[in-house]
Amino acid sequence: MKPEELLYTKTHEWVHVATDGEGNKIATVGLDRFALDALTDLVFLDLPEVGRSVEAGQPFGEVESVKAVSDLNSPADGEVVEVNAGLPDKLESLPDDPYGEGWMIKVKVTDESSLGRLLDHAAYQKLCEEEA
């Protein structure tokens, strides 16, 4: 996935929304390169179990680096339908491919209006420039 094609949260999670074969909106979620660069050396990643309900703007897990512990926030209301279970064991590779192999969870969106708070690439770039 290309960063220009994604949506973003104000807390630096990227989101790719697609429709599955049953018509459900599925949001694939990962942590953006801006956040990864700020965190630097990652040491721990806590991801939720499949089946867990998540709420837009609320933590679904956390990432820990040598600098800080940060919450990972859900971009939408829904249910976790898939988790990248191998990711916590290969954190060193996360910055190499945050938009591909670095996805963290997939959420079946139950309230599509919750996606309305997400930023497009241009708005997200502006946010990052303001925070830099």
C-alpha atoms as a PDB file:
ATOM      1  CA  MET A   1       0.000   0.000   0.000  1.00  0.00           C
ATOM      2  CA  LYS A   2       1.159   3.509  -0.726  1.00  0.00           C
ATOM      3  CA  PRO A   3       0.927   6.171   2.013  1.00  0.00           C
ATOM      4  CA  GLU A   4      -0.946   8.485  -0.392  1.00  0.00           C
ATOM      5  CA  GLU A   5      -3.775   5.936  -0.669  1.00  0.00           C
ATOM      6  CA  LEU A   6      -4.344   5.570   3.069  1.00  0.00           C
ATOM      7  CA  LEU A   7      -6.311   7.395   5.738  1.00  0.00           C
ATOM      8  CA  TYR A   8      -4.816   8.393   9.091  1.00  0.00           C
ATOM      9  CA  THR A   9      -5.706   9.030  12.708  1.00  0.00           C
ATOM     10  CA  LYS A  10      -4.417  12.078  14.567  1.00  0.00           C
ATOM     11  CA  THR A  11      -2.426   9.628  16.710  1.00  0.00           C
ATOM     12  CA  HIS A  12      -0.450   8.320  13.689  1.00  0.00           C
ATOM     13  CA  GLU A  13      -2.171   5.055  12.861  1.00  0.00           C
ATOM     14  CA  TRP A  14      -2.669   4.432   9.130  1.00  0.00           C
ATOM     15  CA  VAL A  15      -5.865   2.876   7.850  1.00  0.00           C
ATOM     16  CA  HIS A  16      -6.783   1.076   4.640  1.00  0.00           C
ATOM     17  CA  VAL A  17     -10.513   0.457   4.211  1.00  0.00           C
ATOM     18  CA  ALA A  18     -11.752  -2.232   1.835  1.00  0.00           C
ATOM     19  CA  THR A  19     -14.976  -4.170   1.381  1.00  0.00           C
ATOM     20  CA  ASP A  20     -14.877  -7.943   1.884  1.00  0.00           C
ATOM     21  CA  GLY A  21     -16.863 -10.517  -0.089  1.00  0.00           C
ATOM     22  CA  GLU A  22     -19.823 -10.157   2.278  1.00  0.00           C
ATOM     23  CA  GLY A  23     -20.057  -6.376   1.936  1.00  0.00           C
ATOM     24  CA  ASN A  24     -18.404  -5.607   5.283  1.00  0.00           C
ATOM     25  CA  LYS A  25     -15.988  -2.696   5.566  1.00  0.00           C
ATOM     26  CA  ILE A  26     -12.628  -4.008   6.813  1.00  0.00           C
ATOM     27  CA  ALA A  27     -10.113  -1.498   8.176  1.00  0.00           C
ATOM     28  CA  THR A  28      -6.496  -2.652   8.116  1.00  0.00           C
ATOM     29  CA  VAL A  29      -4.522  -0.678  10.704  1.00  0.00           C
ATOM     30  CA  GLY A  30      -0.818  -0.043  11.246  1.00  0.00           C
ATOM     31  CA  LEU A  31       1.519   2.556  12.719  1.00  0.00           C
ATOM     32  CA  ASP A  32       2.754   5.295  10.385  1.00  0.00           C
ATOM     33  CA  ARG A  33       6.413   5.916   9.593  1.00  0.00           C
ATOM     34  CA  PHE A  34       6.259   9.334  11.331  1.00  0.00           C
ATOM     35  CA  ALA A  35       5.446   7.633  14.650  1.00  0.00           C
ATOM     36  CA  LEU A  36       7.973   4.859  14.081  1.00  0.00           C
ATOM     37  CA  ASP A  37      10.709   7.416  13.414  1.00  0.00           C
ATOM     38  CA  ALA A  38       9.768   9.281  16.598  1.00  0.00           C
ATOM     39  CA  LEU A  39       9.700   6.133  18.733  1.00  0.00           C
ATOM     40  CA  THR A  40      12.952   4.700  17.314  1.00  0.00           C
ATOM     41  CA  ASP A  41      13.971   1.310  18.761  1.00  0.00           C
ATOM     42  CA  LEU A  42      10.855  -0.757  19.477  1.00  0.00           C
ATOM     43  CA  VAL A  43      11.055  -3.319  22.274  1.00  0.00           C
ATOM     44  CA  PHE A  44       7.445  -4.499  22.821  1.00  0.00           C
ATOM     45  CA  LEU A  45       4.123  -4.622  21.007  1.00  0.00           C
ATOM     46  CA  ASP A  46       0.816  -5.592  22.617  1.00  0.00           C
ATOM     47  CA  LEU A  47      -1.980  -6.450  20.172  1.00  0.00           C
ATOM     48  CA  PRO A  48      -5.575  -7.473  20.966  1.00  0.00           C
ATOM     49  CA  GLU A  49      -7.187 -10.866  20.554  1.00  0.00           C
ATOM     50  CA  VAL A  50      -9.392 -11.656  17.558  1.00  0.00           C
ATOM     51  CA  GLY A  51     -13.020 -11.025  18.514  1.00  0.00           C
ATOM     52  CA  ARG A  52     -12.319  -8.024  20.717  1.00  0.00           C
ATOM     53  CA  SER A  53     -14.571  -4.988  20.236  1.00  0.00           C
ATOM     54  CA  VAL A  54     -12.800  -1.694  19.612  1.00  0.00           C
ATOM     55  CA  GLU A  55     -13.983   1.918  19.617  1.00  0.00           C
ATOM     56  CA  ALA A  56     -12.786   4.769  17.425  1.00  0.00           C
ATOM     57  CA  GLY A  57     -10.159   6.825  19.239  1.00  0.00           C
ATOM     58  CA  GLN A  58      -9.740   4.264  22.020  1.00  0.00           C
ATOM     59  CA  PRO A  59      -6.646   2.097  22.617  1.00  0.00           C
ATOM     60  CA  PHE A  60      -6.551  -1.407  21.148  1.00  0.00           C
ATOM     61  CA  GLY A  61      -2.961  -2.083  22.209  1.00  0.00           C
ATOM     62  CA  GLU A  62       0.354  -0.421  22.914  1.00  0.00           C
ATOM     63  CA  VAL A  63       3.838  -0.126  21.525  1.00  0.00           C
ATOM     64  CA  GLU A  64       6.925   0.367  23.665  1.00  0.00           C
ATOM     65  CA  SER A  65      10.255   1.739  22.554  1.00  0.00           C
ATOM     66  CA  VAL A  66      13.430   2.573  24.423  1.00  0.00           C
ATOM     67  CA  LYS A  67      11.988   6.123  24.637  1.00  0.00           C
ATOM     68  CA  ALA A  68       8.318   5.721  25.568  1.00  0.00           C
ATOM     69  CA  VAL A  69       5.177   3.623  25.761  1.00  0.00           C
ATOM     70  CA  SER A  70       2.398   4.718  23.408  1.00  0.00           C
ATOM     71  CA  ASP A  71      -1.190   3.608  22.983  1.00  0.00           C
ATOM     72  CA  LEU A  72      -2.319   2.263  19.621  1.00  0.00           C
ATOM     73  CA  ASN A  73      -5.766   3.693  18.870  1.00  0.00           C
ATOM     74  CA  SER A  74      -8.529   2.220  16.777  1.00  0.00           C
ATOM     75  CA  PRO A  75      -9.627   4.261  13.771  1.00  0.00           C
ATOM     76  CA  ALA A  76     -13.183   2.905  13.874  1.00  0.00           C
ATOM     77  CA  ASP A  77     -15.816   1.154  15.924  1.00  0.00           C
ATOM     78  CA  GLY A  78     -15.853  -2.564  15.224  1.00  0.00           C
ATOM     79  CA  GLU A  79     -14.548  -6.019  15.941  1.00  0.00           C
ATOM     80  CA  VAL A  80     -10.996  -7.273  15.510  1.00  0.00           C
ATOM     81  CA  VAL A  81     -11.183 -10.002  12.855  1.00  0.00           C
ATOM     82  CA  GLU A  82      -7.465 -10.592  12.269  1.00  0.00           C
ATOM     83  CA  VAL A  83      -4.205  -9.855  14.098  1.00  0.00           C
ATOM     84  CA  ASN A  84      -0.673  -9.854  12.664  1.00  0.00           C
ATOM     85  CA  ALA A  85       0.397 -12.317  15.360  1.00  0.00           C
ATOM     86  CA  GLY A  86       3.996 -12.627  14.140  1.00  0.00           C
ATOM     87  CA  LEU A  87       4.685  -8.899  14.272  1.00  0.00           C
ATOM     88  CA  PRO A  88       5.665  -8.676  17.969  1.00  0.00           C
ATOM     89  CA  ASP A  89       8.473 -11.169  17.272  1.00  0.00           C
ATOM     90  CA  LYS A  90       9.934  -9.118  14.417  1.00  0.00           C
ATOM     91  CA  LEU A  91       9.663  -5.517  15.619  1.00  0.00           C
ATOM     92  CA  GLU A  92      13.026  -4.635  14.090  1.00  0.00           C
ATOM     93  CA  SER A  93      11.495  -5.082  10.631  1.00  0.00           C
ATOM     94  CA  LEU A  94       8.455  -2.872  11.286  1.00  0.00           C
ATOM     95  CA  PRO A  95      10.102   0.402  10.131  1.00  0.00           C
ATOM     96  CA  ASP A  96      11.184  -1.299   6.877  1.00  0.00           C
ATOM     97  CA  ASP A  97       7.623  -1.969   5.697  1.00  0.00           C
ATOM     98  CA  PRO A  98       5.064  -0.215   7.931  1.00  0.00           C
ATOM     99  CA  TYR A  99       2.402  -0.117   5.176  1.00  0.00           C
ATOM    100  CA  GLY A 100       2.710  -3.738   4.094  1.00  0.00           C
ATOM    101  CA  GLU A 101       4.061  -6.432   6.388  1.00  0.00           C
ATOM    102  CA  GLY A 102       3.751  -3.954   9.289  1.00  0.00           C
ATOM    103  CA  TRP A 103      -0.047  -4.034   9.490  1.00  0.00           C
ATOM    104  CA  MET A 104      -1.223  -4.737  13.035  1.00  0.00           C
ATOM    105  CA  ILE A 105      -4.943  -5.517  13.075  1.00  0.00           C
ATOM    106  CA  LYS A 106      -7.953  -5.795  10.792  1.00  0.00           C
ATOM    107  CA  VAL A 107     -11.248  -4.462  12.105  1.00  0.00           C
ATOM    108  CA  LYS A 108     -14.719  -5.238  10.775  1.00  0.00           C
ATOM    109  CA  VAL A 109     -16.262  -1.770  10.938  1.00  0.00           C
ATOM    110  CA  THR A 110     -19.644  -1.691  12.688  1.00  0.00           C
ATOM    111  CA  ASP A 111     -20.175   2.075  12.509  1.00  0.00           C
ATOM    112  CA  GLU A 112     -19.010   3.577   9.230  1.00  0.00           C
ATOM    113  CA  SER A 113     -19.583   7.113  10.527  1.00  0.00           C
ATOM    114  CA  SER A 114     -16.607   6.552  12.855  1.00  0.00           C
ATOM    115  CA  LEU A 115     -14.394   6.567   9.747  1.00  0.00           C
ATOM    116  CA  GLY A 116     -15.399  10.182   9.091  1.00  0.00           C
ATOM    117  CA  ARG A 117     -12.849  11.447  11.608  1.00  0.00           C
ATOM    118  CA  LEU A 118      -9.896  10.101   9.659  1.00  0.00           C
ATOM    119  CA  LEU A 119      -7.477  12.347   7.788  1.00  0.00           C
ATOM    120  CA  ASP A 120      -6.542  12.033   4.135  1.00  0.00           C
ATOM    121  CA  HIS A 121      -2.852  12.005   3.204  1.00  0.00           C
ATOM    122  CA  ALA A 122      -2.581  15.779   2.636  1.00  0.00           C
ATOM    123  CA  ALA A 123      -4.218  16.649   5.966  1.00  0.00           C
ATOM    124  CA  TYR A 124      -2.059  14.068   7.734  1.00  0.00           C
ATOM    125  CA  GLN A 125       1.137  15.488   6.199  1.00  0.00           C
ATOM    126  CA  LYS A 126       0.150  18.924   7.494  1.00  0.00           C
ATOM    127  CA  LEU A 127      -0.390  17.471  10.974  1.00  0.00           C
ATOM    128  CA  CYS A 128       3.061  15.836  10.897  1.00  0.00           C
ATOM    129  CA  GLU A 129       4.704  19.111   9.783  1.00  0.00           C
ATOM    130  CA  GLU A 130       3.056  20.917  12.694  1.00  0.00           C
ATOM    131  CA  GLU A 131       4.291  18.281  15.151  1.00  0.00           C
ATOM    132  CA  ALA A 132       7.838  18.108  13.777  1.00  0.00           C
END
